[in-house]
Amino acid sequence: MYTLGIDLGGTNIVAGVVDENLRVIAKGKVKTNSPRPANEIADDMAKACFIACENAGIAIDDISACGIGSPGAINPITGTVVYANNLKFNNVPLTAMLKERTGVDFYIENDANAAAYGEFLAGSGRGVSDCVAVTLGTGVGGGIIIGGKLFSGSNYAGGELGHMVINIDGEPCSCGRNGCWEAYASATALIRQTKAAMEKNKDSIMWELAGGKLENVNGRIAFDGMRKGDKAACEVVSTYEKYVAIGLANIINIFQPQKICIGGGISNEKETLINPIKDFVNQEVYATMGKPCEILPAELGNDAGIIGAAQLYRLYR
């Protein structure tokens, strides 16, 4: 049995054919070129689907279920993108538009929720009933699985974990509030923190790692500097890891999940990131009864959203 998932991003549209073992066996990729009319984007989403099927050596009629992971506020019952600011979508009936272009039914979810569901089914979140996935990227994304089901609240907009406040008088966030977890724990925040430390420490090895230019700073610079024993880099990493851990401890105190999966580019640091975070979280959680929550790096990378979207039929069929 084959299913198909679409990861609709601001830069690329990627469709993937998923086999019965929840592995992506073929993909089709098209540029999003947003913002532009939703009809044009839907045309290219359908094109990506047909390319993926061709690359898999099958026809679209061989697909048993299809799904979309889209940014923004999503109503999965009506199949509508209620609002997606980076795509300039307002009340776009995306599943109906894709059915019109492909002849098959589609399901839809928020992209972070779809990625969380993918990790839950086929990645580091598998084997449990309660799991939270956190993505440390440009922002901080999240998806919550309770009892094997996605939790998104009464209005389908829940799970915005990056926008819980950890410092009420803190850094401004893109959402308009101050002190959000995203403003401290995203890769964007880490880059800002790294640059600030470099400007205060002109002799830091981080300057050499960045080629002497602040504009070259990325999420790896501080970690690479730490591995070389640079004091300023060590301080940046230690502080950043505490910010990440504060949010994770809050999540554990609220949901008590069996697992938390951490994805995004920063998660490539694996144990270098995860082990110090575990130590701090253990000090901060309110209570642990029985087996403590496992904190793990995500396994599926960019395939998580495709796999999760392809399996949305399990939730909404």
C-alpha atoms as a PDB file:
ATOM      1  CA  MET A   1       0.000   0.000   0.000  1.00  0.00           C
ATOM      2  CA  TYR A   2       1.331   3.401  -0.975  1.00  0.00           C
ATOM      3  CA  THR A   3       0.436   6.748   0.556  1.00  0.00           C
ATOM      4  CA  LEU A   4       1.567  10.208  -0.446  1.00  0.00           C
ATOM      5  CA  GLY A   5       2.485  13.232   1.647  1.00  0.00           C
ATOM      6  CA  ILE A   6       3.145  16.837   0.659  1.00  0.00           C
ATOM      7  CA  ASP A   7       5.375  19.139   2.678  1.00  0.00           C
ATOM      8  CA  LEU A   8       4.311  22.632   1.620  1.00  0.00           C
ATOM      9  CA  GLY A   9       7.108  25.017   2.547  1.00  0.00           C
ATOM     10  CA  GLY A  10       7.772  28.648   1.922  1.00  0.00           C
ATOM     11  CA  THR A  11      10.661  27.748  -0.415  1.00  0.00           C
ATOM     12  CA  ASN A  12       9.874  24.281  -1.777  1.00  0.00           C
ATOM     13  CA  ILE A  13       6.924  21.971  -2.317  1.00  0.00           C
ATOM     14  CA  VAL A  14       8.038  18.374  -1.734  1.00  0.00           C
ATOM     15  CA  ALA A  15       5.762  15.399  -2.345  1.00  0.00           C
ATOM     16  CA  GLY A  16       6.823  11.920  -1.274  1.00  0.00           C
ATOM     17  CA  VAL A  17       5.500   8.419  -1.907  1.00  0.00           C
ATOM     18  CA  VAL A  18       5.531   6.381   1.315  1.00  0.00           C
ATOM     19  CA  ASP A  19       5.496   2.592   1.379  1.00  0.00           C
ATOM     20  CA  GLU A  20       3.861   0.233   3.874  1.00  0.00           C
ATOM     21  CA  ASN A  21       7.001   0.346   6.057  1.00  0.00           C
ATOM     22  CA  LEU A  22       6.630   4.140   6.383  1.00  0.00           C
ATOM     23  CA  ARG A  23       9.671   4.860   4.240  1.00  0.00           C
ATOM     24  CA  VAL A  24       9.790   7.582   1.596  1.00  0.00           C
ATOM     25  CA  ILE A  25      10.637   5.755  -1.621  1.00  0.00           C
ATOM     26  CA  ALA A  26      10.393   8.618  -4.135  1.00  0.00           C
ATOM     27  CA  LYS A  27       9.956  12.385  -4.184  1.00  0.00           C
ATOM     28  CA  GLY A  28       8.856  15.205  -6.430  1.00  0.00           C
ATOM     29  CA  LYS A  29      10.072  18.739  -5.756  1.00  0.00           C
ATOM     30  CA  VAL A  30       8.909  22.094  -7.126  1.00  0.00           C
ATOM     31  CA  LYS A  31       9.702  25.659  -6.055  1.00  0.00           C
ATOM     32  CA  THR A  32       6.928  27.342  -4.054  1.00  0.00           C
ATOM     33  CA  ASN A  33       7.716  30.825  -5.377  1.00  0.00           C
ATOM     34  CA  SER A  34       5.453  32.397  -2.777  1.00  0.00           C
ATOM     35  CA  PRO A  35       3.648  34.636  -2.407  1.00  0.00           C
ATOM     36  CA  ARG A  36       1.500  34.043  -5.461  1.00  0.00           C
ATOM     37  CA  PRO A  37      -2.132  33.002  -6.057  1.00  0.00           C
ATOM     38  CA  ALA A  38      -3.244  29.840  -4.271  1.00  0.00           C
ATOM     39  CA  ASN A  39      -4.416  28.353  -7.582  1.00  0.00           C
ATOM     40  CA  GLU A  40      -0.903  28.504  -8.953  1.00  0.00           C
ATOM     41  CA  ILE A  41       0.604  26.939  -5.852  1.00  0.00           C
ATOM     42  CA  ALA A  42      -2.030  24.176  -5.956  1.00  0.00           C
ATOM     43  CA  ASP A  43      -1.096  23.525  -9.595  1.00  0.00           C
ATOM     44  CA  ASP A  44       2.521  22.983  -8.577  1.00  0.00           C
ATOM     45  CA  MET A  45       1.552  20.852  -5.580  1.00  0.00           C
ATOM     46  CA  ALA A  46      -0.291  18.546  -7.965  1.00  0.00           C
ATOM     47  CA  LYS A  47       2.721  18.593 -10.290  1.00  0.00           C
ATOM     48  CA  ALA A  48       4.987  17.506  -7.406  1.00  0.00           C
ATOM     49  CA  CYS A  49       2.588  14.630  -6.666  1.00  0.00           C
ATOM     50  CA  PHE A  50       2.698  13.373 -10.248  1.00  0.00           C
ATOM     51  CA  ILE A  51       6.509  13.662 -10.330  1.00  0.00           C
ATOM     52  CA  ALA A  52       6.798  11.665  -7.096  1.00  0.00           C
ATOM     53  CA  CYS A  53       4.515   8.937  -8.445  1.00  0.00           C
ATOM     54  CA  GLU A  54       6.441   8.795 -11.725  1.00  0.00           C
ATOM     55  CA  ASN A  55       9.724   8.493  -9.818  1.00  0.00           C
ATOM     56  CA  ALA A  56       8.211   5.670  -7.754  1.00  0.00           C
ATOM     57  CA  GLY A  57       7.062   3.868 -10.898  1.00  0.00           C
ATOM     58  CA  ILE A  58       3.384   4.013  -9.967  1.00  0.00           C
ATOM     59  CA  ALA A  59       0.261   5.929 -11.007  1.00  0.00           C
ATOM     60  CA  ILE A  60      -1.605   8.370  -8.792  1.00  0.00           C
ATOM     61  CA  ASP A  61      -4.470   5.809  -8.711  1.00  0.00           C
ATOM     62  CA  ASP A  62      -2.126   3.412  -6.879  1.00  0.00           C
ATOM     63  CA  ILE A  63      -2.063   5.800  -3.905  1.00  0.00           C
ATOM     64  CA  SER A  64      -4.469   4.820  -1.138  1.00  0.00           C
ATOM     65  CA  ALA A  65      -4.329   8.072   0.850  1.00  0.00           C
ATOM     66  CA  CYS A  66      -2.822  11.543   0.491  1.00  0.00           C
ATOM     67  CA  GLY A  67      -2.085  14.322   2.936  1.00  0.00           C
ATOM     68  CA  ILE A  68      -0.673  17.832   3.172  1.00  0.00           C
ATOM     69  CA  GLY A  69       1.457  19.457   5.852  1.00  0.00           C
ATOM     70  CA  SER A  70       0.982  23.204   5.475  1.00  0.00           C
ATOM     71  CA  PRO A  71       2.216  26.177   7.464  1.00  0.00           C
ATOM     72  CA  GLY A  72      -0.346  28.295   9.219  1.00  0.00           C
ATOM     73  CA  ALA A  73      -3.629  27.806  11.045  1.00  0.00           C
ATOM     74  CA  ILE A  74      -5.344  24.758   9.564  1.00  0.00           C
ATOM     75  CA  ASN A  75      -8.865  23.381   9.875  1.00  0.00           C
ATOM     76  CA  PRO A  76      -8.371  19.671   9.122  1.00  0.00           C
ATOM     77  CA  ILE A  77     -12.115  18.986   9.141  1.00  0.00           C
ATOM     78  CA  THR A  78     -12.922  21.404   6.310  1.00  0.00           C
ATOM     79  CA  GLY A  79      -9.530  20.953   4.628  1.00  0.00           C
ATOM     80  CA  THR A  80      -8.864  24.673   4.770  1.00  0.00           C
ATOM     81  CA  VAL A  81      -5.767  26.774   5.344  1.00  0.00           C
ATOM     82  CA  VAL A  82      -7.440  29.399   7.506  1.00  0.00           C
ATOM     83  CA  TYR A  83      -4.401  31.654   7.528  1.00  0.00           C
ATOM     84  CA  ALA A  84      -0.748  31.270   6.526  1.00  0.00           C
ATOM     85  CA  ASN A  85       1.124  34.555   6.574  1.00  0.00           C
ATOM     86  CA  ASN A  86       4.201  33.466   4.589  1.00  0.00           C
ATOM     87  CA  LEU A  87       2.020  32.059   1.803  1.00  0.00           C
ATOM     88  CA  LYS A  88      -0.526  34.901   2.011  1.00  0.00           C
ATOM     89  CA  PHE A  89      -3.299  32.297   2.301  1.00  0.00           C
ATOM     90  CA  ASN A  90      -6.670  33.223   3.791  1.00  0.00           C
ATOM     91  CA  ASN A  91      -9.402  30.556   3.952  1.00  0.00           C
ATOM     92  CA  VAL A  92      -7.927  28.524   1.087  1.00  0.00           C
ATOM     93  CA  PRO A  93      -9.773  25.175   0.577  1.00  0.00           C
ATOM     94  CA  LEU A  94      -6.555  23.371  -0.247  1.00  0.00           C
ATOM     95  CA  THR A  95      -7.713  19.747  -0.035  1.00  0.00           C
ATOM     96  CA  ALA A  96     -10.577  20.420  -2.454  1.00  0.00           C
ATOM     97  CA  MET A  97      -8.189  22.192  -4.816  1.00  0.00           C
ATOM     98  CA  LEU A  98      -5.805  19.218  -4.813  1.00  0.00           C
ATOM     99  CA  LYS A  99      -8.618  16.722  -5.363  1.00  0.00           C
ATOM    100  CA  GLU A 100      -9.777  18.738  -8.356  1.00  0.00           C
ATOM    101  CA  ARG A 101      -6.271  18.551  -9.836  1.00  0.00           C
ATOM    102  CA  THR A 102      -5.396  14.930  -9.011  1.00  0.00           C
ATOM    103  CA  GLY A 103      -8.699  13.098  -8.661  1.00  0.00           C
ATOM    104  CA  VAL A 104      -7.833  11.739  -5.204  1.00  0.00           C
ATOM    105  CA  ASP A 105      -8.861  12.747  -1.679  1.00  0.00           C
ATOM    106  CA  PHE A 106      -6.485  14.696   0.558  1.00  0.00           C
ATOM    107  CA  TYR A 107      -6.206  15.362   4.288  1.00  0.00           C
ATOM    108  CA  ILE A 108      -4.397  18.348   5.781  1.00  0.00           C
ATOM    109  CA  GLU A 109      -2.676  19.406   8.990  1.00  0.00           C
ATOM    110  CA  ASN A 110      -0.328  22.091  10.205  1.00  0.00           C
ATOM    111  CA  ASP A 111       3.197  21.245   9.027  1.00  0.00           C
ATOM    112  CA  ALA A 112       4.643  21.041  12.559  1.00  0.00           C
ATOM    113  CA  ASN A 113       1.817  18.696  13.570  1.00  0.00           C
ATOM    114  CA  ALA A 114       2.411  16.560  10.496  1.00  0.00           C
ATOM    115  CA  ALA A 115       6.134  16.314  11.301  1.00  0.00           C
ATOM    116  CA  ALA A 116       5.332  15.406  14.902  1.00  0.00           C
ATOM    117  CA  TYR A 117       2.984  12.673  13.715  1.00  0.00           C
ATOM    118  CA  GLY A 118       5.668  11.346  11.392  1.00  0.00           C
ATOM    119  CA  GLU A 119       8.194  11.111  14.228  1.00  0.00           C
ATOM    120  CA  PHE A 120       5.538   9.493  16.407  1.00  0.00           C
ATOM    121  CA  LEU A 121       4.765   6.808  13.848  1.00  0.00           C
ATOM    122  CA  ALA A 122       8.154   6.121  12.282  1.00  0.00           C
ATOM    123  CA  GLY A 123      10.869   8.102  14.101  1.00  0.00           C
ATOM    124  CA  SER A 124      12.211   8.520  17.599  1.00  0.00           C
ATOM    125  CA  GLY A 125       8.685   8.931  18.999  1.00  0.00           C
ATOM    126  CA  ARG A 126       7.503   5.481  17.993  1.00  0.00           C
ATOM    127  CA  GLY A 127       6.407   2.920  20.550  1.00  0.00           C
ATOM    128  CA  VAL A 128       4.591   5.253  22.963  1.00  0.00           C
ATOM    129  CA  SER A 129       1.128   6.824  23.201  1.00  0.00           C
ATOM    130  CA  ASP A 130       2.113  10.321  24.402  1.00  0.00           C
ATOM    131  CA  CYS A 131       4.826  12.272  22.638  1.00  0.00           C
ATOM    132  CA  VAL A 132       5.793  15.878  21.952  1.00  0.00           C
ATOM    133  CA  ALA A 133       7.938  16.918  19.003  1.00  0.00           C
ATOM    134  CA  VAL A 134       9.869  20.191  19.110  1.00  0.00           C
ATOM    135  CA  THR A 135      11.647  21.739  16.137  1.00  0.00           C
ATOM    136  CA  LEU A 136      14.454  24.214  16.784  1.00  0.00           C
ATOM    137  CA  GLY A 137      14.623  26.098  13.501  1.00  0.00           C
ATOM    138  CA  THR A 138      13.971  29.634  12.314  1.00  0.00           C
ATOM    139  CA  GLY A 139      11.325  29.561  15.030  1.00  0.00           C
ATOM    140  CA  VAL A 140      10.361  26.908  17.554  1.00  0.00           C
ATOM    141  CA  GLY A 141       7.680  24.566  16.239  1.00  0.00           C
ATOM    142  CA  GLY A 142       5.829  21.921  18.122  1.00  0.00           C
ATOM    143  CA  GLY A 143       3.398  19.057  17.815  1.00  0.00           C
ATOM    144  CA  ILE A 144       1.625  17.238  20.633  1.00  0.00           C
ATOM    145  CA  ILE A 145       0.448  13.613  20.524  1.00  0.00           C
ATOM    146  CA  ILE A 146      -1.843  12.466  23.335  1.00  0.00           C
ATOM    147  CA  GLY A 147      -3.223   8.957  23.329  1.00  0.00           C
ATOM    148  CA  GLY A 148      -1.966   8.484  19.789  1.00  0.00           C
ATOM    149  CA  LYS A 149      -3.937  11.501  18.518  1.00  0.00           C
ATOM    150  CA  LEU A 150      -2.777  14.967  17.560  1.00  0.00           C
ATOM    151  CA  PHE A 151      -3.813  17.619  20.061  1.00  0.00           C
ATOM    152  CA  SER A 152      -4.510  21.025  18.562  1.00  0.00           C
ATOM    153  CA  GLY A 153      -7.208  22.440  20.807  1.00  0.00           C
ATOM    154  CA  SER A 154     -10.802  23.426  20.166  1.00  0.00           C
ATOM    155  CA  ASN A 155      -9.902  25.791  17.314  1.00  0.00           C
ATOM    156  CA  TYR A 156      -7.158  23.651  15.687  1.00  0.00           C
ATOM    157  CA  ALA A 157      -4.545  26.283  16.540  1.00  0.00           C
ATOM    158  CA  GLY A 158      -3.087  24.761  19.708  1.00  0.00           C
ATOM    159  CA  GLY A 159       0.414  23.410  20.102  1.00  0.00           C
ATOM    160  CA  GLU A 160       2.236  26.696  19.491  1.00  0.00           C
ATOM    161  CA  LEU A 161       4.893  25.709  21.992  1.00  0.00           C
ATOM    162  CA  GLY A 162       7.370  28.336  20.839  1.00  0.00           C
ATOM    163  CA  HIS A 163       5.077  31.083  22.037  1.00  0.00           C
ATOM    164  CA  MET A 164       4.907  30.224  25.711  1.00  0.00           C
ATOM    165  CA  VAL A 165       6.612  33.023  27.619  1.00  0.00           C
ATOM    166  CA  ILE A 166       9.682  32.155  29.682  1.00  0.00           C
ATOM    167  CA  ASN A 167      10.654  35.772  30.482  1.00  0.00           C
ATOM    168  CA  ILE A 168       7.806  38.294  30.597  1.00  0.00           C
ATOM    169  CA  ASP A 169      10.164  41.272  30.215  1.00  0.00           C
ATOM    170  CA  GLY A 170      12.419  39.500  27.752  1.00  0.00           C
ATOM    171  CA  GLU A 171      13.406  39.599  24.106  1.00  0.00           C
ATOM    172  CA  PRO A 172      10.765  40.656  21.574  1.00  0.00           C
ATOM    173  CA  CYS A 173       9.259  37.815  19.547  1.00  0.00           C
ATOM    174  CA  SER A 174       8.015  37.892  15.974  1.00  0.00           C
ATOM    175  CA  CYS A 175       4.514  37.150  17.287  1.00  0.00           C
ATOM    176  CA  GLY A 176       4.376  40.523  19.037  1.00  0.00           C
ATOM    177  CA  ARG A 177       4.881  39.309  22.604  1.00  0.00           C
ATOM    178  CA  ASN A 178       8.033  39.548  24.685  1.00  0.00           C
ATOM    179  CA  GLY A 179      10.014  36.707  26.181  1.00  0.00           C
ATOM    180  CA  CYS A 180       8.652  33.794  24.143  1.00  0.00           C
ATOM    181  CA  TRP A 181      10.578  30.525  24.226  1.00  0.00           C
ATOM    182  CA  GLU A 182      11.124  30.954  20.472  1.00  0.00           C
ATOM    183  CA  ALA A 183      12.972  34.229  21.121  1.00  0.00           C
ATOM    184  CA  TYR A 184      15.540  32.307  23.181  1.00  0.00           C
ATOM    185  CA  ALA A 185      15.625  28.706  21.916  1.00  0.00           C
ATOM    186  CA  SER A 186      15.276  28.952  18.130  1.00  0.00           C
ATOM    187  CA  ALA A 187      18.257  28.680  15.798  1.00  0.00           C
ATOM    188  CA  THR A 188      17.631  32.349  15.012  1.00  0.00           C
ATOM    189  CA  ALA A 189      18.021  33.170  18.700  1.00  0.00           C
ATOM    190  CA  LEU A 190      21.206  31.114  18.963  1.00  0.00           C
ATOM    191  CA  ILE A 191      22.701  33.040  16.046  1.00  0.00           C
ATOM    192  CA  ARG A 192      21.795  36.336  17.717  1.00  0.00           C
ATOM    193  CA  GLN A 193      23.319  35.166  21.001  1.00  0.00           C
ATOM    194  CA  THR A 194      26.479  34.026  19.211  1.00  0.00           C
ATOM    195  CA  LYS A 195      26.911  37.371  17.462  1.00  0.00           C
ATOM    196  CA  ALA A 196      26.438  39.268  20.727  1.00  0.00           C
ATOM    197  CA  ALA A 197      29.108  37.149  22.417  1.00  0.00           C
ATOM    198  CA  MET A 198      31.511  37.677  19.521  1.00  0.00           C
ATOM    199  CA  GLU A 199      31.078  41.434  19.669  1.00  0.00           C
ATOM    200  CA  LYS A 200      31.922  41.364  23.382  1.00  0.00           C
ATOM    201  CA  ASN A 201      34.869  38.992  22.887  1.00  0.00           C
ATOM    202  CA  LYS A 202      36.988  40.129  19.965  1.00  0.00           C
ATOM    203  CA  ASP A 203      39.585  37.429  20.699  1.00  0.00           C
ATOM    204  CA  SER A 204      37.059  34.574  20.550  1.00  0.00           C
ATOM    205  CA  ILE A 205      37.888  31.756  18.143  1.00  0.00           C
ATOM    206  CA  MET A 206      34.324  32.121  16.878  1.00  0.00           C
ATOM    207  CA  TRP A 207      35.562  35.036  14.742  1.00  0.00           C
ATOM    208  CA  GLU A 208      37.959  32.698  12.969  1.00  0.00           C
ATOM    209  CA  LEU A 209      35.256  30.057  12.530  1.00  0.00           C
ATOM    210  CA  ALA A 210      32.986  32.699  10.975  1.00  0.00           C
ATOM    211  CA  GLY A 211      35.688  33.953   8.612  1.00  0.00           C
ATOM    212  CA  GLY A 212      35.905  37.223  10.513  1.00  0.00           C
ATOM    213  CA  LYS A 213      32.386  38.268   9.536  1.00  0.00           C
ATOM    214  CA  LEU A 214      29.248  38.365  11.678  1.00  0.00           C
ATOM    215  CA  GLU A 215      27.096  37.694   8.622  1.00  0.00           C
ATOM    216  CA  ASN A 216      28.674  34.230   8.357  1.00  0.00           C
ATOM    217  CA  VAL A 217      27.467  33.170  11.808  1.00  0.00           C
ATOM    218  CA  ASN A 218      25.173  30.147  11.854  1.00  0.00           C
ATOM    219  CA  GLY A 219      23.866  27.732  14.460  1.00  0.00           C
ATOM    220  CA  ARG A 220      27.062  25.645  14.423  1.00  0.00           C
ATOM    221  CA  ILE A 221      29.614  28.358  15.227  1.00  0.00           C
ATOM    222  CA  ALA A 222      29.129  28.404  19.001  1.00  0.00           C
ATOM    223  CA  PHE A 223      29.152  24.599  19.238  1.00  0.00           C
ATOM    224  CA  ASP A 224      32.290  24.374  17.093  1.00  0.00           C
ATOM    225  CA  GLY A 225      33.940  27.026  19.267  1.00  0.00           C
ATOM    226  CA  MET A 226      32.951  25.141  22.407  1.00  0.00           C
ATOM    227  CA  ARG A 227      34.616  21.992  21.077  1.00  0.00           C
ATOM    228  CA  LYS A 228      37.808  24.009  20.664  1.00  0.00           C
ATOM    229  CA  GLY A 229      37.611  25.160  24.278  1.00  0.00           C
ATOM    230  CA  ASP A 230      36.686  28.794  23.578  1.00  0.00           C
ATOM    231  CA  LYS A 231      35.323  30.320  26.788  1.00  0.00           C
ATOM    232  CA  ALA A 232      32.855  32.679  25.112  1.00  0.00           C
ATOM    233  CA  ALA A 233      31.505  29.875  22.931  1.00  0.00           C
ATOM    234  CA  CYS A 234      31.116  27.616  25.959  1.00  0.00           C
ATOM    235  CA  GLU A 235      29.063  30.299  27.684  1.00  0.00           C
ATOM    236  CA  VAL A 236      26.837  30.775  24.634  1.00  0.00           C
ATOM    237  CA  VAL A 237      26.147  27.056  24.344  1.00  0.00           C
ATOM    238  CA  SER A 238      25.550  26.598  28.061  1.00  0.00           C
ATOM    239  CA  THR A 239      23.090  29.487  28.203  1.00  0.00           C
ATOM    240  CA  TYR A 240      21.309  28.387  25.036  1.00  0.00           C
ATOM    241  CA  GLU A 241      20.934  24.840  26.338  1.00  0.00           C
ATOM    242  CA  LYS A 242      19.374  26.186  29.537  1.00  0.00           C
ATOM    243  CA  TYR A 243      16.857  28.164  27.496  1.00  0.00           C
ATOM    244  CA  VAL A 244      15.925  25.044  25.550  1.00  0.00           C
ATOM    245  CA  ALA A 245      15.681  23.019  28.758  1.00  0.00           C
ATOM    246  CA  ILE A 246      13.390  25.556  30.475  1.00  0.00           C
ATOM    247  CA  GLY A 247      10.808  25.132  27.731  1.00  0.00           C
ATOM    248  CA  LEU A 248      11.130  21.353  27.749  1.00  0.00           C
ATOM    249  CA  ALA A 249      10.637  21.254  31.516  1.00  0.00           C
ATOM    250  CA  ASN A 250       7.471  23.328  31.089  1.00  0.00           C
ATOM    251  CA  ILE A 251       6.205  20.885  28.464  1.00  0.00           C
ATOM    252  CA  ILE A 252       6.895  17.925  30.752  1.00  0.00           C
ATOM    253  CA  ASN A 253       5.177  19.618  33.683  1.00  0.00           C
ATOM    254  CA  ILE A 254       2.082  20.270  31.569  1.00  0.00           C
ATOM    255  CA  PHE A 255       1.774  17.086  29.501  1.00  0.00           C
ATOM    256  CA  GLN A 256       4.038  14.450  31.137  1.00  0.00           C
ATOM    257  CA  PRO A 257       4.749  12.842  27.734  1.00  0.00           C
ATOM    258  CA  GLN A 258       6.668   9.599  27.491  1.00  0.00           C
ATOM    259  CA  LYS A 259       9.003  11.097  24.889  1.00  0.00           C
ATOM    260  CA  ILE A 260      10.091  14.478  23.550  1.00  0.00           C
ATOM    261  CA  CYS A 261      11.698  14.429  20.093  1.00  0.00           C
ATOM    262  CA  ILE A 262      13.894  17.394  19.201  1.00  0.00           C
ATOM    263  CA  GLY A 263      14.320  18.221  15.518  1.00  0.00           C
ATOM    264  CA  GLY A 264      15.648  21.069  13.406  1.00  0.00           C
ATOM    265  CA  GLY A 265      19.202  21.813  12.391  1.00  0.00           C
ATOM    266  CA  ILE A 266      20.421  22.289  15.968  1.00  0.00           C
ATOM    267  CA  SER A 267      19.377  18.712  16.799  1.00  0.00           C
ATOM    268  CA  ASN A 268      22.263  17.519  14.599  1.00  0.00           C
ATOM    269  CA  GLU A 269      24.438  18.192  17.651  1.00  0.00           C
ATOM    270  CA  LYS A 270      22.742  15.113  19.169  1.00  0.00           C
ATOM    271  CA  GLU A 271      24.341  14.179  22.539  1.00  0.00           C
ATOM    272  CA  THR A 272      26.275  17.460  22.705  1.00  0.00           C
ATOM    273  CA  LEU A 273      22.908  19.199  22.895  1.00  0.00           C
ATOM    274  CA  ILE A 274      20.730  16.535  24.481  1.00  0.00           C
ATOM    275  CA  ASN A 275      22.815  15.379  27.474  1.00  0.00           C
ATOM    276  CA  PRO A 276      23.252  18.806  29.156  1.00  0.00           C
ATOM    277  CA  ILE A 277      19.587  19.544  28.498  1.00  0.00           C
ATOM    278  CA  LYS A 278      18.557  16.322  30.248  1.00  0.00           C
ATOM    279  CA  ASP A 279      20.564  17.263  33.335  1.00  0.00           C
ATOM    280  CA  PHE A 280      18.918  20.680  33.559  1.00  0.00           C
ATOM    281  CA  VAL A 281      15.417  19.343  32.860  1.00  0.00           C
ATOM    282  CA  ASN A 282      15.784  16.772  35.630  1.00  0.00           C
ATOM    283  CA  GLN A 283      16.328  19.618  38.073  1.00  0.00           C
ATOM    284  CA  GLU A 284      13.327  21.596  36.821  1.00  0.00           C
ATOM    285  CA  VAL A 285      10.473  19.135  36.364  1.00  0.00           C
ATOM    286  CA  TYR A 286       7.781  19.275  39.013  1.00  0.00           C
ATOM    287  CA  ALA A 287       7.392  15.575  39.595  1.00  0.00           C
ATOM    288  CA  THR A 288       8.289  12.322  37.909  1.00  0.00           C
ATOM    289  CA  MET A 289       6.261   9.266  38.809  1.00  0.00           C
ATOM    290  CA  GLY A 290       7.521   6.086  37.232  1.00  0.00           C
ATOM    291  CA  LYS A 291       9.680   6.254  34.122  1.00  0.00           C
ATOM    292  CA  PRO A 292      10.870   9.796  33.319  1.00  0.00           C
ATOM    293  CA  CYS A 293      10.266  11.426  29.952  1.00  0.00           C
ATOM    294  CA  GLU A 294      12.866  10.488  27.338  1.00  0.00           C
ATOM    295  CA  ILE A 295      14.422  13.404  25.447  1.00  0.00           C
ATOM    296  CA  LEU A 296      15.715  12.273  22.074  1.00  0.00           C
ATOM    297  CA  PRO A 297      16.955  13.764  18.814  1.00  0.00           C
ATOM    298  CA  ALA A 298      14.456  13.357  15.996  1.00  0.00           C
ATOM    299  CA  GLU A 299      15.324  10.706  13.434  1.00  0.00           C
ATOM    300  CA  LEU A 300      13.486  11.494  10.222  1.00  0.00           C
ATOM    301  CA  GLY A 301      14.767  14.946   9.272  1.00  0.00           C
ATOM    302  CA  ASN A 302      12.818  16.502   6.399  1.00  0.00           C
ATOM    303  CA  ASP A 303      10.983  13.232   5.771  1.00  0.00           C
ATOM    304  CA  ALA A 304       9.018  13.565   9.031  1.00  0.00           C
ATOM    305  CA  GLY A 305       6.515  15.994   7.545  1.00  0.00           C
ATOM    306  CA  ILE A 306       6.035  13.906   4.407  1.00  0.00           C
ATOM    307  CA  ILE A 307       5.476  10.678   6.359  1.00  0.00           C
ATOM    308  CA  GLY A 308       3.169  12.355   8.857  1.00  0.00           C
ATOM    309  CA  ALA A 309       1.115  14.009   6.113  1.00  0.00           C
ATOM    310  CA  ALA A 310       0.857  10.736   4.215  1.00  0.00           C
ATOM    311  CA  GLN A 311      -0.601   9.057   7.298  1.00  0.00           C
ATOM    312  CA  LEU A 312      -3.180  11.696   8.244  1.00  0.00           C
ATOM    313  CA  TYR A 313      -5.900   9.378   6.976  1.00  0.00           C
ATOM    314  CA  ARG A 314      -5.419   7.401  10.206  1.00  0.00           C
ATOM    315  CA  LEU A 315      -6.720  10.413  12.129  1.00  0.00           C
ATOM    316  CA  TYR A 316      -9.350  11.883   9.839  1.00  0.00           C
ATOM    317  CA  ARG A 317     -10.717   9.187   7.518  1.00  0.00           C
END
